N, C-alpha and C. Protein backbone atom coordinates (compact mmCIF):
# COMPACT_ATOMS: atom_id res chain seq x y z
N ASN A 1 18.54 -16.12 -33.54
CA ASN A 1 18.55 -16.30 -31.97
C ASN A 1 19.62 -15.49 -31.55
N SER A 2 19.79 -14.26 -32.26
CA SER A 2 20.72 -13.38 -31.56
C SER A 2 19.44 -12.12 -30.96
N PHE A 3 18.36 -12.04 -31.29
CA PHE A 3 16.95 -11.38 -30.73
C PHE A 3 16.64 -12.22 -29.11
N LEU A 4 16.68 -13.31 -29.44
CA LEU A 4 16.42 -14.37 -28.35
C LEU A 4 17.15 -14.40 -27.30
N LEU A 5 18.26 -14.49 -27.78
CA LEU A 5 19.57 -14.20 -26.76
C LEU A 5 19.27 -13.09 -25.80
N LYS A 6 18.94 -12.15 -25.97
CA LYS A 6 18.62 -10.53 -25.48
C LYS A 6 17.50 -10.78 -24.11
N LEU A 7 16.54 -11.76 -24.19
CA LEU A 7 15.54 -11.56 -23.51
C LEU A 7 16.37 -12.01 -21.88
N ASN A 8 15.43 -11.68 -21.47
CA ASN A 8 15.93 -11.24 -19.79
C ASN A 8 14.42 -12.39 -19.01
N VAL A 9 14.26 -13.07 -19.92
CA VAL A 9 13.25 -14.38 -19.60
C VAL A 9 13.15 -15.18 -20.33
N PRO A 10 12.81 -16.87 -19.44
CA PRO A 10 12.80 -17.78 -20.06
C PRO A 10 12.29 -17.85 -21.50
N TYR A 11 13.05 -18.44 -22.50
CA TYR A 11 12.11 -19.11 -23.64
C TYR A 11 12.15 -20.19 -24.16
N PHE A 12 11.01 -20.63 -24.69
CA PHE A 12 10.92 -21.83 -25.46
C PHE A 12 10.94 -21.74 -26.92
N VAL A 13 11.28 -22.82 -28.01
CA VAL A 13 11.34 -22.45 -29.37
C VAL A 13 10.38 -23.84 -30.12
N VAL A 14 9.96 -23.55 -30.82
CA VAL A 14 9.13 -24.93 -31.98
C VAL A 14 9.75 -24.77 -33.03
N VAL A 15 9.85 -25.70 -33.95
CA VAL A 15 10.60 -25.74 -34.94
C VAL A 15 9.32 -25.25 -36.08
N GLY A 16 9.45 -24.00 -37.14
CA GLY A 16 8.75 -23.86 -37.93
C GLY A 16 9.33 -24.29 -39.12
N ASN A 17 8.41 -24.32 -40.47
CA ASN A 17 8.86 -24.84 -41.47
C ASN A 17 10.18 -23.65 -42.19
N HIS A 18 10.19 -22.60 -41.62
CA HIS A 18 11.48 -21.74 -42.67
C HIS A 18 12.46 -22.35 -41.51
N ASP A 19 12.52 -22.50 -40.33
CA ASP A 19 13.71 -23.18 -39.87
C ASP A 19 14.10 -24.35 -40.39
N LEU A 20 13.81 -25.08 -41.26
CA LEU A 20 14.39 -26.22 -42.06
C LEU A 20 14.41 -26.16 -43.50
N VAL A 21 14.96 -24.71 -43.88
CA VAL A 21 15.17 -24.59 -45.26
C VAL A 21 16.88 -24.64 -45.24
N GLY A 22 17.24 -25.13 -46.40
CA GLY A 22 18.72 -25.18 -46.33
C GLY A 22 19.19 -25.92 -45.58
N ASN A 23 20.25 -25.25 -44.99
CA ASN A 23 20.66 -26.13 -43.52
C ASN A 23 20.30 -25.99 -41.96
N GLY A 24 19.08 -25.37 -42.44
CA GLY A 24 18.29 -25.00 -41.11
C GLY A 24 18.14 -26.28 -40.05
N LEU A 25 18.24 -27.67 -40.52
CA LEU A 25 17.50 -28.41 -39.39
C LEU A 25 18.90 -28.33 -38.80
N THR A 26 20.00 -28.63 -39.19
CA THR A 26 21.36 -28.58 -38.81
C THR A 26 21.71 -27.44 -37.70
N ALA A 27 21.62 -26.10 -38.56
CA ALA A 27 21.52 -24.86 -37.30
C ALA A 27 20.60 -25.22 -36.30
N TYR A 28 19.11 -25.21 -36.63
CA TYR A 28 18.58 -25.24 -35.60
C TYR A 28 18.37 -26.25 -34.23
N THR A 29 19.07 -27.53 -34.63
CA THR A 29 19.36 -28.42 -33.71
C THR A 29 20.35 -27.92 -32.50
N GLU A 30 21.45 -27.84 -33.60
CA GLU A 30 22.94 -27.08 -32.79
C GLU A 30 21.87 -25.72 -31.51
N MET A 31 21.37 -24.96 -32.12
CA MET A 31 21.41 -24.04 -31.32
C MET A 31 20.05 -24.15 -30.46
N PHE A 32 19.09 -24.70 -30.84
CA PHE A 32 17.54 -24.95 -29.84
C PHE A 32 17.89 -26.45 -29.50
N GLY A 33 18.29 -27.63 -30.09
CA GLY A 33 18.01 -28.73 -29.44
C GLY A 33 17.19 -29.56 -30.26
N SER A 34 16.39 -30.61 -29.71
CA SER A 34 15.70 -31.55 -30.41
C SER A 34 14.36 -30.97 -30.78
N LEU A 35 13.89 -31.38 -31.85
CA LEU A 35 12.88 -31.20 -32.36
C LEU A 35 11.04 -31.82 -31.63
N ASN A 36 11.48 -32.60 -31.22
CA ASN A 36 10.16 -32.85 -29.93
C ASN A 36 11.13 -32.62 -28.67
N PHE A 37 10.52 -32.00 -27.88
CA PHE A 37 10.68 -32.04 -26.50
C PHE A 37 9.85 -31.71 -25.50
N SER A 38 9.60 -32.35 -24.39
CA SER A 38 8.66 -31.70 -23.27
C SER A 38 9.22 -31.78 -22.02
N PHE A 39 8.37 -30.66 -20.97
CA PHE A 39 8.96 -30.71 -19.77
C PHE A 39 7.62 -30.27 -18.80
N ILE A 40 7.91 -30.60 -17.56
CA ILE A 40 6.33 -30.82 -16.83
C ILE A 40 6.91 -29.08 -15.62
N TYR A 41 5.82 -28.79 -15.33
CA TYR A 41 5.85 -27.42 -14.74
C TYR A 41 4.60 -27.16 -14.00
N ASP A 42 4.74 -27.68 -12.66
CA ASP A 42 3.64 -27.35 -11.45
C ASP A 42 2.66 -28.34 -12.29
N SER A 43 2.73 -29.51 -12.41
CA SER A 43 1.86 -30.43 -13.15
C SER A 43 1.56 -30.08 -14.09
N LEU A 44 1.95 -29.21 -15.01
CA LEU A 44 1.34 -29.20 -16.16
C LEU A 44 2.56 -29.44 -17.18
N LYS A 45 1.79 -30.37 -18.38
CA LYS A 45 3.31 -30.57 -19.30
C LYS A 45 3.05 -30.08 -20.46
N PHE A 46 4.28 -29.16 -20.68
CA PHE A 46 4.34 -28.46 -22.06
C PHE A 46 5.02 -29.09 -23.53
N ILE A 47 4.28 -29.76 -24.27
CA ILE A 47 4.70 -30.66 -25.43
C ILE A 47 5.15 -30.52 -26.72
N PHE A 48 6.18 -29.88 -27.31
CA PHE A 48 6.94 -29.07 -28.33
C PHE A 48 7.03 -30.28 -29.29
N ILE A 49 6.20 -30.05 -30.68
CA ILE A 49 6.43 -31.32 -31.69
C ILE A 49 6.46 -30.74 -33.11
N ASN A 50 7.32 -31.18 -33.62
CA ASN A 50 7.65 -31.09 -34.91
C ASN A 50 6.37 -31.21 -35.98
N THR A 51 5.72 -30.49 -36.63
CA THR A 51 4.55 -31.06 -37.82
C THR A 51 4.55 -30.45 -38.76
N ASN A 52 5.92 -30.08 -38.99
CA ASN A 52 6.31 -29.46 -40.41
C ASN A 52 6.80 -30.74 -41.42
N GLY A 53 5.31 -31.44 -41.78
CA GLY A 53 5.53 -32.48 -42.82
C GLY A 53 5.80 -32.31 -43.82
N LEU A 54 5.64 -31.26 -44.64
CA LEU A 54 5.81 -30.82 -46.17
C LEU A 54 7.27 -30.84 -45.98
N GLU A 55 8.43 -30.31 -45.21
CA GLU A 55 9.78 -30.13 -45.26
C GLU A 55 10.28 -31.54 -44.98
N PHE A 56 9.42 -32.67 -44.89
CA PHE A 56 9.93 -34.14 -44.17
C PHE A 56 9.10 -34.85 -45.39
N LYS A 57 8.69 -34.15 -46.81
CA LYS A 57 8.52 -34.75 -48.04
C LYS A 57 7.15 -36.00 -47.50
N PHE A 58 6.27 -35.30 -46.12
CA PHE A 58 5.18 -36.10 -46.01
C PHE A 58 5.83 -37.89 -45.79
N ASN A 59 6.85 -38.03 -45.05
CA ASN A 59 7.20 -39.25 -44.90
C ASN A 59 6.23 -40.13 -43.90
N GLY A 60 5.61 -39.85 -43.15
CA GLY A 60 4.72 -40.64 -42.84
C GLY A 60 5.42 -40.70 -41.23
N GLU A 61 6.31 -39.76 -40.81
CA GLU A 61 7.11 -39.95 -39.42
C GLU A 61 6.88 -38.47 -38.89
N VAL A 62 6.63 -37.56 -39.56
CA VAL A 62 6.24 -36.19 -39.16
C VAL A 62 4.84 -35.36 -38.98
N PRO A 63 4.35 -35.22 -38.11
CA PRO A 63 4.39 -35.56 -36.90
C PRO A 63 4.83 -36.71 -36.06
N ASP A 64 5.57 -36.73 -34.81
CA ASP A 64 5.92 -38.43 -34.61
C ASP A 64 4.79 -38.91 -33.77
N VAL A 65 3.64 -39.36 -34.02
CA VAL A 65 2.56 -39.58 -33.22
C VAL A 65 2.58 -40.31 -32.06
N GLN A 66 3.24 -41.57 -32.32
CA GLN A 66 3.69 -42.44 -31.29
C GLN A 66 4.38 -41.40 -29.87
N TRP A 67 5.63 -40.88 -30.72
CA TRP A 67 5.86 -40.23 -29.19
C TRP A 67 5.30 -39.14 -28.67
N LEU A 68 4.24 -38.59 -29.36
CA LEU A 68 3.15 -37.68 -28.76
C LEU A 68 2.07 -38.57 -28.01
N ASP A 69 1.80 -39.57 -28.26
CA ASP A 69 1.09 -40.77 -27.95
C ASP A 69 1.52 -40.60 -26.14
N ALA A 70 2.97 -41.08 -26.13
CA ALA A 70 3.89 -41.53 -25.20
C ALA A 70 3.71 -40.28 -24.20
N GLN A 71 3.62 -38.89 -24.41
CA GLN A 71 3.97 -38.20 -23.84
C GLN A 71 2.44 -37.11 -23.06
N LEU A 72 1.61 -37.73 -23.88
CA LEU A 72 0.60 -37.56 -23.45
C LEU A 72 -0.08 -38.43 -22.41
N ARG A 73 0.44 -39.58 -22.67
CA ARG A 73 -0.14 -41.05 -21.57
C ARG A 73 -0.47 -40.58 -20.14
N PRO A 74 -1.10 -40.74 -19.28
CA PRO A 74 -1.35 -39.86 -18.16
C PRO A 74 -0.39 -40.98 -17.49
N ASN A 75 0.24 -40.13 -16.51
CA ASN A 75 0.85 -40.52 -15.10
C ASN A 75 1.11 -39.45 -14.35
N ASN A 76 1.54 -39.89 -12.85
CA ASN A 76 1.53 -38.94 -11.72
C ASN A 76 1.95 -37.58 -11.57
N ASP A 77 2.79 -37.60 -12.67
CA ASP A 77 4.15 -36.35 -13.02
C ASP A 77 3.22 -35.20 -13.33
N PHE A 78 1.75 -35.42 -14.18
CA PHE A 78 1.40 -34.04 -14.48
C PHE A 78 -0.29 -34.69 -14.87
N LEU A 79 -0.82 -33.24 -15.06
CA LEU A 79 -2.51 -33.57 -14.65
C LEU A 79 -3.17 -32.76 -16.18
N LYS A 80 -2.18 -31.74 -16.61
CA LYS A 80 -3.27 -31.50 -18.40
C LYS A 80 -1.69 -31.30 -18.93
N ALA A 81 -2.04 -31.24 -19.90
CA ALA A 81 -0.53 -30.90 -21.48
C ALA A 81 -1.47 -29.92 -22.26
N VAL A 82 -0.27 -29.17 -22.68
CA VAL A 82 0.09 -27.75 -23.88
C VAL A 82 0.63 -28.49 -24.63
N VAL A 83 -0.38 -28.44 -25.84
CA VAL A 83 0.59 -29.15 -27.19
C VAL A 83 0.85 -27.92 -27.86
N ILE A 84 1.90 -27.86 -28.08
CA ILE A 84 2.77 -26.33 -29.31
C ILE A 84 3.32 -27.07 -30.22
N PHE A 85 2.99 -26.54 -31.52
CA PHE A 85 3.46 -26.92 -32.58
C PHE A 85 3.30 -25.56 -33.76
N HIS A 86 3.92 -25.77 -34.86
CA HIS A 86 3.89 -24.87 -35.82
C HIS A 86 2.95 -24.81 -37.29
N ILE A 87 2.76 -25.96 -37.51
CA ILE A 87 1.60 -26.23 -38.62
C ILE A 87 0.08 -26.79 -38.01
N PRO A 88 -0.59 -26.17 -37.95
CA PRO A 88 -2.10 -27.14 -37.65
C PRO A 88 -1.93 -28.22 -38.26
N PRO A 89 -2.99 -29.22 -37.99
CA PRO A 89 -3.29 -30.31 -38.55
C PRO A 89 -4.19 -30.34 -39.70
N MET A 90 -5.08 -29.28 -40.08
CA MET A 90 -5.95 -29.08 -40.71
C MET A 90 -5.19 -28.36 -42.23
N ASP A 91 -3.76 -28.06 -41.87
CA ASP A 91 -3.15 -27.32 -42.93
C ASP A 91 -2.47 -28.15 -43.66
N ARG A 92 -2.37 -27.74 -45.09
CA ARG A 92 -2.20 -28.42 -46.18
C ARG A 92 -0.10 -28.58 -46.42
N ASP A 93 -0.10 -28.15 -45.67
CA ASP A 93 1.78 -28.46 -45.22
C ASP A 93 1.89 -29.52 -44.10
N PHE A 94 0.59 -29.57 -43.55
CA PHE A 94 0.69 -30.95 -42.31
C PHE A 94 0.05 -32.56 -43.08
N ASP A 95 1.28 -33.42 -42.80
CA ASP A 95 0.98 -35.01 -43.43
C ASP A 95 -0.34 -35.03 -43.46
N ILE A 96 -1.43 -34.82 -44.47
CA ILE A 96 -2.46 -35.59 -44.39
C ILE A 96 -2.70 -36.86 -43.91
N SER A 97 -1.69 -37.53 -44.36
CA SER A 97 -1.82 -39.48 -43.64
C SER A 97 -1.71 -39.29 -41.89
N LEU A 98 -1.25 -38.22 -41.10
CA LEU A 98 -1.54 -38.41 -39.77
C LEU A 98 -2.05 -37.51 -39.38
N GLU A 99 -2.77 -36.93 -40.07
CA GLU A 99 -4.14 -35.92 -39.49
C GLU A 99 -4.86 -36.47 -38.30
N GLU A 100 -5.69 -37.34 -38.87
CA GLU A 100 -6.70 -38.11 -38.13
C GLU A 100 -6.11 -38.62 -36.71
N ALA A 101 -4.76 -39.49 -36.97
CA ALA A 101 -4.00 -39.97 -35.89
C ALA A 101 -3.76 -38.96 -34.77
N PHE A 102 -3.10 -37.75 -35.55
CA PHE A 102 -2.84 -36.75 -34.30
C PHE A 102 -3.75 -36.35 -33.65
N HIS A 103 -4.82 -36.06 -34.47
CA HIS A 103 -6.11 -35.38 -33.68
C HIS A 103 -6.73 -36.51 -32.47
N LYS A 104 -6.72 -37.96 -32.94
CA LYS A 104 -7.46 -38.63 -31.85
C LYS A 104 -6.44 -38.65 -30.82
N ILE A 105 -5.03 -38.91 -31.16
CA ILE A 105 -4.03 -38.78 -29.88
C ILE A 105 -4.27 -37.38 -28.92
N VAL A 106 -4.47 -36.31 -29.59
CA VAL A 106 -4.75 -35.32 -28.72
C VAL A 106 -5.94 -35.06 -27.86
N ALA A 107 -6.83 -35.82 -28.64
CA ALA A 107 -8.13 -35.80 -27.73
C ALA A 107 -8.15 -37.12 -26.82
N HIS A 108 -7.38 -38.24 -27.16
CA HIS A 108 -7.83 -39.53 -26.44
C HIS A 108 -7.51 -39.40 -25.43
N TYR A 109 -7.04 -38.81 -24.17
CA TYR A 109 -6.81 -39.11 -23.02
C TYR A 109 -7.71 -37.77 -22.09
N ASN A 110 -7.95 -36.92 -22.69
CA ASN A 110 -8.76 -35.85 -22.17
C ASN A 110 -7.94 -35.01 -21.28
N ASN A 111 -6.75 -34.86 -21.43
CA ASN A 111 -5.77 -34.34 -20.70
C ASN A 111 -5.18 -32.87 -21.36
N VAL A 112 -5.33 -32.64 -22.47
CA VAL A 112 -4.58 -31.44 -23.33
C VAL A 112 -5.69 -30.30 -22.98
N LEU A 113 -5.22 -29.41 -22.24
CA LEU A 113 -5.64 -27.88 -21.88
C LEU A 113 -6.33 -27.43 -23.48
N PHE A 114 -5.27 -27.03 -24.14
CA PHE A 114 -5.44 -26.32 -25.47
C PHE A 114 -3.91 -26.74 -26.41
N THR A 115 -4.10 -26.33 -27.15
CA THR A 115 -3.30 -26.52 -28.07
C THR A 115 -2.36 -25.03 -29.02
N VAL A 116 -1.21 -24.72 -29.20
CA VAL A 116 -0.97 -23.65 -30.02
C VAL A 116 -0.32 -23.80 -31.28
N HIS A 117 -0.09 -23.26 -31.93
CA HIS A 117 0.67 -23.04 -33.23
C HIS A 117 0.22 -21.54 -34.07
N GLY A 118 1.31 -21.90 -35.18
CA GLY A 118 1.79 -19.89 -35.16
C GLY A 118 1.69 -19.93 -36.81
N HIS A 119 1.68 -21.33 -37.51
CA HIS A 119 1.96 -20.89 -38.76
C HIS A 119 1.12 -19.95 -39.61
N LEU A 120 -0.55 -19.85 -39.34
CA LEU A 120 -1.20 -19.30 -40.23
C LEU A 120 -1.25 -17.40 -39.67
N HIS A 121 0.04 -17.00 -38.86
CA HIS A 121 0.37 -15.69 -38.60
C HIS A 121 -0.74 -14.65 -38.14
N GLY A 122 -1.96 -14.76 -38.12
CA GLY A 122 -2.80 -14.28 -37.70
C GLY A 122 -3.39 -14.75 -36.37
N HIS A 123 -4.29 -14.46 -35.63
CA HIS A 123 -4.35 -14.71 -34.23
C HIS A 123 -6.14 -15.22 -34.31
N GLU A 124 -6.56 -16.33 -33.53
CA GLU A 124 -7.79 -17.29 -33.85
C GLU A 124 -7.93 -18.32 -32.69
N ILE A 125 -8.74 -17.95 -32.02
CA ILE A 125 -8.88 -19.39 -30.69
C ILE A 125 -9.96 -19.83 -31.62
N TYR A 126 -10.14 -21.30 -31.30
CA TYR A 126 -10.99 -22.01 -32.42
C TYR A 126 -11.12 -23.36 -32.05
N LYS A 127 -12.14 -24.62 -32.48
CA LYS A 127 -12.41 -25.41 -31.99
C LYS A 127 -12.51 -26.55 -33.25
N PRO A 128 -11.22 -26.53 -34.24
CA PRO A 128 -11.59 -27.16 -35.84
C PRO A 128 -12.20 -28.69 -35.57
N TYR A 129 -12.44 -29.61 -34.45
CA TYR A 129 -13.00 -30.62 -34.73
C TYR A 129 -14.15 -30.73 -33.56
N GLU A 130 -14.96 -31.84 -34.01
CA GLU A 130 -16.10 -32.02 -33.17
C GLU A 130 -15.76 -32.35 -31.55
N ASP A 131 -14.55 -31.75 -30.70
CA ASP A 131 -14.59 -32.48 -29.64
C ASP A 131 -14.29 -31.03 -28.95
N SER A 132 -13.65 -31.01 -27.52
CA SER A 132 -13.33 -30.07 -26.53
C SER A 132 -12.15 -28.87 -26.63
N ILE A 133 -11.47 -29.62 -27.85
CA ILE A 133 -10.05 -29.41 -27.90
C ILE A 133 -9.62 -27.97 -28.37
N THR A 134 -9.49 -27.08 -27.51
CA THR A 134 -9.17 -25.80 -28.42
C THR A 134 -7.96 -25.32 -28.77
N TYR A 135 -7.52 -24.68 -30.24
CA TYR A 135 -6.80 -24.75 -30.83
C TYR A 135 -6.23 -22.79 -30.93
N VAL A 136 -5.46 -22.71 -30.51
CA VAL A 136 -4.86 -21.18 -30.23
C VAL A 136 -3.93 -20.57 -31.10
N ASN A 137 -4.36 -20.20 -32.79
CA ASN A 137 -3.45 -19.52 -33.43
C ASN A 137 -3.04 -18.23 -32.99
N VAL A 138 -1.76 -18.16 -32.89
CA VAL A 138 -0.72 -17.19 -32.40
C VAL A 138 0.00 -15.92 -33.38
N TYR A 139 -0.24 -14.81 -33.13
CA TYR A 139 0.03 -13.96 -33.98
C TYR A 139 1.88 -14.43 -34.45
N GLY A 140 2.05 -14.39 -36.11
CA GLY A 140 3.08 -13.84 -36.41
C GLY A 140 3.98 -12.48 -36.23
N VAL A 141 5.18 -12.46 -36.02
CA VAL A 141 6.19 -11.03 -35.62
C VAL A 141 5.45 -9.94 -36.62
N GLU A 142 4.97 -10.44 -38.12
CA GLU A 142 4.94 -9.06 -38.58
C GLU A 142 3.98 -8.67 -38.23
N ASN A 143 3.28 -8.73 -37.26
CA ASN A 143 1.96 -8.24 -36.84
C ASN A 143 2.20 -7.02 -35.78
N MET A 144 3.43 -6.90 -35.33
CA MET A 144 3.80 -6.38 -34.29
C MET A 144 3.23 -6.20 -33.37
N LYS A 145 2.48 -7.42 -32.46
CA LYS A 145 2.02 -8.15 -31.34
C LYS A 145 2.05 -9.62 -31.49
N PHE A 146 1.95 -9.65 -29.85
CA PHE A 146 2.33 -11.26 -29.30
C PHE A 146 0.63 -11.60 -28.53
N ASN A 147 0.66 -12.79 -28.33
CA ASN A 147 -0.27 -13.16 -27.21
C ASN A 147 0.54 -13.66 -26.50
N LEU A 148 -0.47 -13.25 -25.10
CA LEU A 148 0.39 -13.93 -23.80
C LEU A 148 -1.11 -14.76 -23.57
N ILE A 149 -0.66 -15.82 -22.90
CA ILE A 149 -1.27 -17.02 -22.70
C ILE A 149 -1.07 -17.07 -21.10
N THR A 150 -1.89 -17.11 -20.14
CA THR A 150 -1.61 -17.01 -18.61
C THR A 150 -2.96 -18.37 -18.46
N ILE A 151 -1.95 -19.15 -17.54
CA ILE A 151 -2.87 -20.32 -17.13
C ILE A 151 -2.77 -20.40 -15.51
N VAL A 152 -4.20 -20.48 -15.24
CA VAL A 152 -4.52 -20.54 -13.43
C VAL A 152 -5.34 -21.82 -13.64
N ASN A 153 -5.24 -22.58 -12.77
CA ASN A 153 -6.07 -23.45 -12.07
C ASN A 153 -6.75 -24.31 -13.39
N ASN A 154 -5.95 -24.58 -14.07
CA ASN A 154 -6.24 -25.27 -15.32
C ASN A 154 -7.37 -24.57 -16.43
N GLN A 155 -7.48 -23.18 -16.44
CA GLN A 155 -7.94 -22.25 -17.28
C GLN A 155 -7.27 -21.38 -17.87
N PHE A 156 -7.16 -20.92 -19.14
CA PHE A 156 -6.28 -20.13 -19.51
C PHE A 156 -6.92 -19.45 -20.09
N ASP A 157 -6.37 -18.04 -20.37
CA ASP A 157 -6.66 -16.98 -21.04
C ASP A 157 -5.38 -15.91 -22.30
N VAL A 158 -6.23 -16.03 -23.29
CA VAL A 158 -5.26 -15.03 -23.89
C VAL A 158 -5.43 -13.74 -24.19
N ASP A 159 -4.60 -13.49 -24.27
CA ASP A 159 -4.20 -11.58 -24.32
C ASP A 159 -3.28 -11.13 -25.50
N THR A 160 -4.08 -10.34 -26.06
CA THR A 160 -2.96 -9.42 -27.60
C THR A 160 -1.85 -8.53 -26.78
N VAL A 161 -0.68 -8.33 -27.15
CA VAL A 161 -0.08 -7.62 -26.57
C VAL A 161 0.71 -6.73 -27.91
N ALA A 162 0.87 -5.45 -28.36
CA ALA A 162 1.25 -4.62 -29.03
C ALA A 162 2.74 -4.18 -28.89
N PHE A 163 3.66 -4.30 -29.89
CA PHE A 163 4.93 -3.98 -29.58
C PHE A 163 5.32 -3.02 -30.55
């Protein structure tokens, strides 16, 4: 957080599995707020959702698929959405009992532009299911690079920037 506070640009964070170790849940929510949140910018909805099923003992509540469904339900406030999470649904740390529901909700309304996750630490753009939803896995900081995602006219481009 001390590094993030030095940024001269707005930033948003999504909770990762390492954020939830020990008293991490308390510290995380105190510093960053809710584990699930969304906002709309220029008719594009950004949805941040906790997908760290293992850290919640695969209790059937993480990710909160009902909350996600409500967030993606179309209305006049947004046209497209970007869903951001840490653990991808096909990962062993994702609650397997919720994978199908999560995937169906992401694809259901046909309004998800793409999804973003980072748990795998490497970079890849792929479509793991037989639908049009693109999953963008972004670099972990240990790679000394990050992905810059630009969105214009409901199209997105992913670049890699080394630091």
